[in-house]
Amino acid sequence: MPMITLSVQSPAASDEENWNMSPILIEISIAILIVAVCVALIVWIGRYTGAASERRMMGMLKRAGVDPEVATGGDAKAIMKEVRSRCRRCGSEDLCDRWLEGKVVKGGNSFCPNARIFRNLARKTRRTA
């Protein structure tokens, strides 16, 4: 007749075994955490640059003599969508910030990819006022 042996473990030993994760699970958990942090950073950077771009765009509108409220209403909504897109892709952020602060006097805002649109909106605003 075969002998059956029973093994009895203490509760402390089984708890310890439950808390030991395999190295693969630890590596997968770390990888998921790294991906989550990267996604969070990308979202944060996107929001930060979008807010800075919006601030510069509104500053340019004011300096060009366009009422920001007029620019966001009516037919100007489609135009402003393109203006926002250009501002977000612009590579002259530093020059724009200095110009808006009044530190750059030469050349006006000719560096701005939206300068012509801002001039046209300013003329339109003056005509309707």
C-alpha atoms as a PDB file:
ATOM      1  CA  MET A   1       0.000   0.000   0.000  1.00  0.00           C
ATOM      2  CA  PRO A   2       1.382   3.425  -0.918  1.00  0.00           C
ATOM      3  CA  MET A   3       2.083   5.833   1.857  1.00  0.00           C
ATOM      4  CA  ILE A   4       0.596   9.263   1.764  1.00  0.00           C
ATOM      5  CA  THR A   5       2.477  11.976   3.504  1.00  0.00           C
ATOM      6  CA  LEU A   6       0.974  15.274   4.378  1.00  0.00           C
ATOM      7  CA  SER A   7       3.036  18.364   4.503  1.00  0.00           C
ATOM      8  CA  VAL A   8       1.903  21.064   6.846  1.00  0.00           C
ATOM      9  CA  GLN A   9       3.227  24.588   6.358  1.00  0.00           C
ATOM     10  CA  SER A  10       3.029  27.281   8.874  1.00  0.00           C
ATOM     11  CA  PRO A  11       0.829  30.264   7.943  1.00  0.00           C
ATOM     12  CA  ALA A  12       3.876  32.537   7.919  1.00  0.00           C
ATOM     13  CA  ALA A  13       5.582  30.422   5.251  1.00  0.00           C
ATOM     14  CA  SER A  14       2.577  30.467   2.898  1.00  0.00           C
ATOM     15  CA  ASP A  15       2.217  34.271   3.298  1.00  0.00           C
ATOM     16  CA  GLU A  16       5.853  34.692   2.397  1.00  0.00           C
ATOM     17  CA  GLU A  17       5.443  32.581  -0.739  1.00  0.00           C
ATOM     18  CA  ASN A  18       2.405  34.611  -1.829  1.00  0.00           C
ATOM     19  CA  TRP A  19       4.387  37.853  -1.650  1.00  0.00           C
ATOM     20  CA  ASN A  20       7.306  36.553  -3.713  1.00  0.00           C
ATOM     21  CA  MET A  21       6.652  37.619  -7.305  1.00  0.00           C
ATOM     22  CA  SER A  22       8.475  36.119 -10.201  1.00  0.00           C
ATOM     23  CA  PRO A  23      11.150  38.297 -11.829  1.00  0.00           C
ATOM     24  CA  ILE A  24       9.122  38.391 -15.067  1.00  0.00           C
ATOM     25  CA  LEU A  25       6.107  39.905 -13.305  1.00  0.00           C
ATOM     26  CA  ILE A  26       8.319  42.486 -11.647  1.00  0.00           C
ATOM     27  CA  GLU A  27       9.854  43.448 -15.008  1.00  0.00           C
ATOM     28  CA  ILE A  28       6.425  43.685 -16.650  1.00  0.00           C
ATOM     29  CA  SER A  29       5.174  45.872 -13.801  1.00  0.00           C
ATOM     30  CA  ILE A  30       8.186  48.165 -14.127  1.00  0.00           C
ATOM     31  CA  ALA A  31       7.708  48.384 -17.915  1.00  0.00           C
ATOM     32  CA  ILE A  32       4.037  49.312 -17.482  1.00  0.00           C
ATOM     33  CA  LEU A  33       4.985  51.954 -14.929  1.00  0.00           C
ATOM     34  CA  ILE A  34       7.617  53.445 -17.267  1.00  0.00           C
ATOM     35  CA  VAL A  35       5.131  53.568 -20.158  1.00  0.00           C
ATOM     36  CA  ALA A  36       2.536  55.255 -17.919  1.00  0.00           C
ATOM     37  CA  VAL A  37       5.062  57.872 -16.788  1.00  0.00           C
ATOM     38  CA  CYS A  38       6.092  58.540 -20.412  1.00  0.00           C
ATOM     39  CA  VAL A  39       2.474  58.982 -21.499  1.00  0.00           C
ATOM     40  CA  ALA A  40       1.815  61.334 -18.570  1.00  0.00           C
ATOM     41  CA  LEU A  41       4.895  63.410 -19.462  1.00  0.00           C
ATOM     42  CA  ILE A  42       3.864  63.646 -23.113  1.00  0.00           C
ATOM     43  CA  VAL A  43       0.372  64.809 -22.140  1.00  0.00           C
ATOM     44  CA  TRP A  44       1.791  67.352 -19.668  1.00  0.00           C
ATOM     45  CA  ILE A  45       4.279  68.744 -22.214  1.00  0.00           C
ATOM     46  CA  GLY A  46       1.534  69.002 -24.828  1.00  0.00           C
ATOM     47  CA  ARG A  47      -0.730  70.930 -22.481  1.00  0.00           C
ATOM     48  CA  TYR A  48       2.110  73.185 -21.349  1.00  0.00           C
ATOM     49  CA  THR A  49       3.226  74.072 -24.876  1.00  0.00           C
ATOM     50  CA  GLY A  50      -0.394  74.523 -25.973  1.00  0.00           C
ATOM     51  CA  ALA A  51      -1.059  76.968 -23.143  1.00  0.00           C
ATOM     52  CA  ALA A  52       2.136  78.906 -23.879  1.00  0.00           C
ATOM     53  CA  SER A  53       1.249  79.049 -27.568  1.00  0.00           C
ATOM     54  CA  GLU A  54      -2.264  80.287 -26.754  1.00  0.00           C
ATOM     55  CA  ARG A  55      -0.826  83.001 -24.498  1.00  0.00           C
ATOM     56  CA  ARG A  56       1.536  84.191 -27.252  1.00  0.00           C
ATOM     57  CA  MET A  57      -1.232  84.121 -29.868  1.00  0.00           C
ATOM     58  CA  MET A  58      -3.563  86.224 -27.698  1.00  0.00           C
ATOM     59  CA  GLY A  59      -0.698  88.651 -27.028  1.00  0.00           C
ATOM     60  CA  MET A  60      -0.055  88.980 -30.754  1.00  0.00           C
ATOM     61  CA  LEU A  61      -3.748  89.610 -31.381  1.00  0.00           C
ATOM     62  CA  LYS A  62      -3.783  92.421 -28.812  1.00  0.00           C
ATOM     63  CA  ARG A  63      -0.542  93.979 -30.090  1.00  0.00           C
ATOM     64  CA  ALA A  64      -1.912  93.848 -33.656  1.00  0.00           C
ATOM     65  CA  GLY A  65      -5.033  95.716 -32.517  1.00  0.00           C
ATOM     66  CA  VAL A  66      -7.466  92.810 -32.795  1.00  0.00           C
ATOM     67  CA  ASP A  67     -10.033  92.357 -30.083  1.00  0.00           C
ATOM     68  CA  PRO A  68      -9.640  88.694 -29.034  1.00  0.00           C
ATOM     69  CA  GLU A  69     -13.411  88.423 -28.529  1.00  0.00           C
ATOM     70  CA  VAL A  70     -14.060  89.484 -32.126  1.00  0.00           C
ATOM     71  CA  ALA A  71     -11.476  87.028 -33.406  1.00  0.00           C
ATOM     72  CA  THR A  72     -13.176  84.062 -31.744  1.00  0.00           C
ATOM     73  CA  GLY A  73     -16.674  84.733 -33.010  1.00  0.00           C
ATOM     74  CA  GLY A  74     -18.503  84.295 -36.301  1.00  0.00           C
ATOM     75  CA  ASP A  75     -16.517  83.613 -39.457  1.00  0.00           C
ATOM     76  CA  ALA A  76     -13.223  84.093 -37.651  1.00  0.00           C
ATOM     77  CA  LYS A  77     -13.472  80.704 -35.896  1.00  0.00           C
ATOM     78  CA  ALA A  78     -12.121  78.843 -38.935  1.00  0.00           C
ATOM     79  CA  ILE A  79      -9.380  81.431 -39.370  1.00  0.00           C
ATOM     80  CA  MET A  80      -8.416  81.213 -35.697  1.00  0.00           C
ATOM     81  CA  LYS A  81      -8.161  77.428 -35.933  1.00  0.00           C
ATOM     82  CA  GLU A  82      -5.487  77.838 -38.616  1.00  0.00           C
ATOM     83  CA  VAL A  83      -3.809  80.634 -36.622  1.00  0.00           C
ATOM     84  CA  ARG A  84      -3.607  78.374 -33.534  1.00  0.00           C
ATOM     85  CA  SER A  85      -2.148  75.584 -35.625  1.00  0.00           C
ATOM     86  CA  ARG A  86       0.555  77.884 -37.014  1.00  0.00           C
ATOM     87  CA  CYS A  87       1.365  79.220 -33.540  1.00  0.00           C
ATOM     88  CA  ARG A  88       1.805  75.695 -32.177  1.00  0.00           C
ATOM     89  CA  ARG A  89       4.185  74.769 -35.005  1.00  0.00           C
ATOM     90  CA  CYS A  90       6.109  78.053 -34.911  1.00  0.00           C
ATOM     91  CA  GLY A  91       9.825  77.889 -34.224  1.00  0.00           C
ATOM     92  CA  SER A  92      10.152  81.520 -33.121  1.00  0.00           C
ATOM     93  CA  GLU A  93       8.757  81.239 -29.598  1.00  0.00           C
ATOM     94  CA  ASP A  94      11.681  83.036 -27.949  1.00  0.00           C
ATOM     95  CA  LEU A  95      11.635  85.896 -30.448  1.00  0.00           C
ATOM     96  CA  CYS A  96       7.862  86.130 -30.087  1.00  0.00           C
ATOM     97  CA  ASP A  97       8.088  86.335 -26.287  1.00  0.00           C
ATOM     98  CA  ARG A  98      10.764  89.060 -26.494  1.00  0.00           C
ATOM     99  CA  TRP A  99       8.741  90.999 -29.084  1.00  0.00           C
ATOM    100  CA  LEU A 100       5.594  90.792 -26.955  1.00  0.00           C
ATOM    101  CA  GLU A 101       7.558  92.080 -23.943  1.00  0.00           C
ATOM    102  CA  GLY A 102       8.790  95.034 -26.026  1.00  0.00           C
ATOM    103  CA  LYS A 103      12.433  93.937 -26.008  1.00  0.00           C
ATOM    104  CA  VAL A 104      12.594  93.607 -29.826  1.00  0.00           C
ATOM    105  CA  VAL A 105      11.703  96.792 -31.672  1.00  0.00           C
ATOM    106  CA  LYS A 106      13.154  96.273 -35.161  1.00  0.00           C
ATOM    107  CA  GLY A 107      11.121  94.621 -37.894  1.00  0.00           C
ATOM    108  CA  GLY A 108       7.757  94.515 -36.156  1.00  0.00           C
ATOM    109  CA  ASN A 109       6.182  91.099 -36.031  1.00  0.00           C
ATOM    110  CA  SER A 110       7.297  90.097 -39.529  1.00  0.00           C
ATOM    111  CA  PHE A 111       8.817  86.913 -38.059  1.00  0.00           C
ATOM    112  CA  CYS A 112       5.313  85.719 -37.162  1.00  0.00           C
ATOM    113  CA  PRO A 113       3.710  83.276 -39.629  1.00  0.00           C
ATOM    114  CA  ASN A 114       0.336  84.859 -38.752  1.00  0.00           C
ATOM    115  CA  ALA A 115       1.366  88.521 -39.098  1.00  0.00           C
ATOM    116  CA  ARG A 116      -0.603  89.045 -42.343  1.00  0.00           C
ATOM    117  CA  ILE A 117      -3.722  87.419 -40.867  1.00  0.00           C
ATOM    118  CA  PHE A 118      -3.446  89.561 -37.725  1.00  0.00           C
ATOM    119  CA  ARG A 119      -3.191  92.731 -39.880  1.00  0.00           C
ATOM    120  CA  ASN A 120      -6.270  91.708 -41.875  1.00  0.00           C
ATOM    121  CA  LEU A 121      -8.233  90.908 -38.703  1.00  0.00           C
ATOM    122  CA  ALA A 122      -7.212  94.276 -37.227  1.00  0.00           C
ATOM    123  CA  ARG A 123      -8.499  96.084 -40.336  1.00  0.00           C
ATOM    124  CA  LYS A 124     -11.751  94.108 -40.176  1.00  0.00           C
ATOM    125  CA  THR A 125     -12.129  94.921 -36.465  1.00  0.00           C
ATOM    126  CA  ARG A 126     -11.621  98.639 -37.129  1.00  0.00           C
ATOM    127  CA  ARG A 127     -14.206  98.633 -39.929  1.00  0.00           C
ATOM    128  CA  THR A 128     -16.873  96.972 -37.775  1.00  0.00           C
ATOM    129  CA  ALA A 129     -16.226  99.219 -34.768  1.00  0.00           C
END
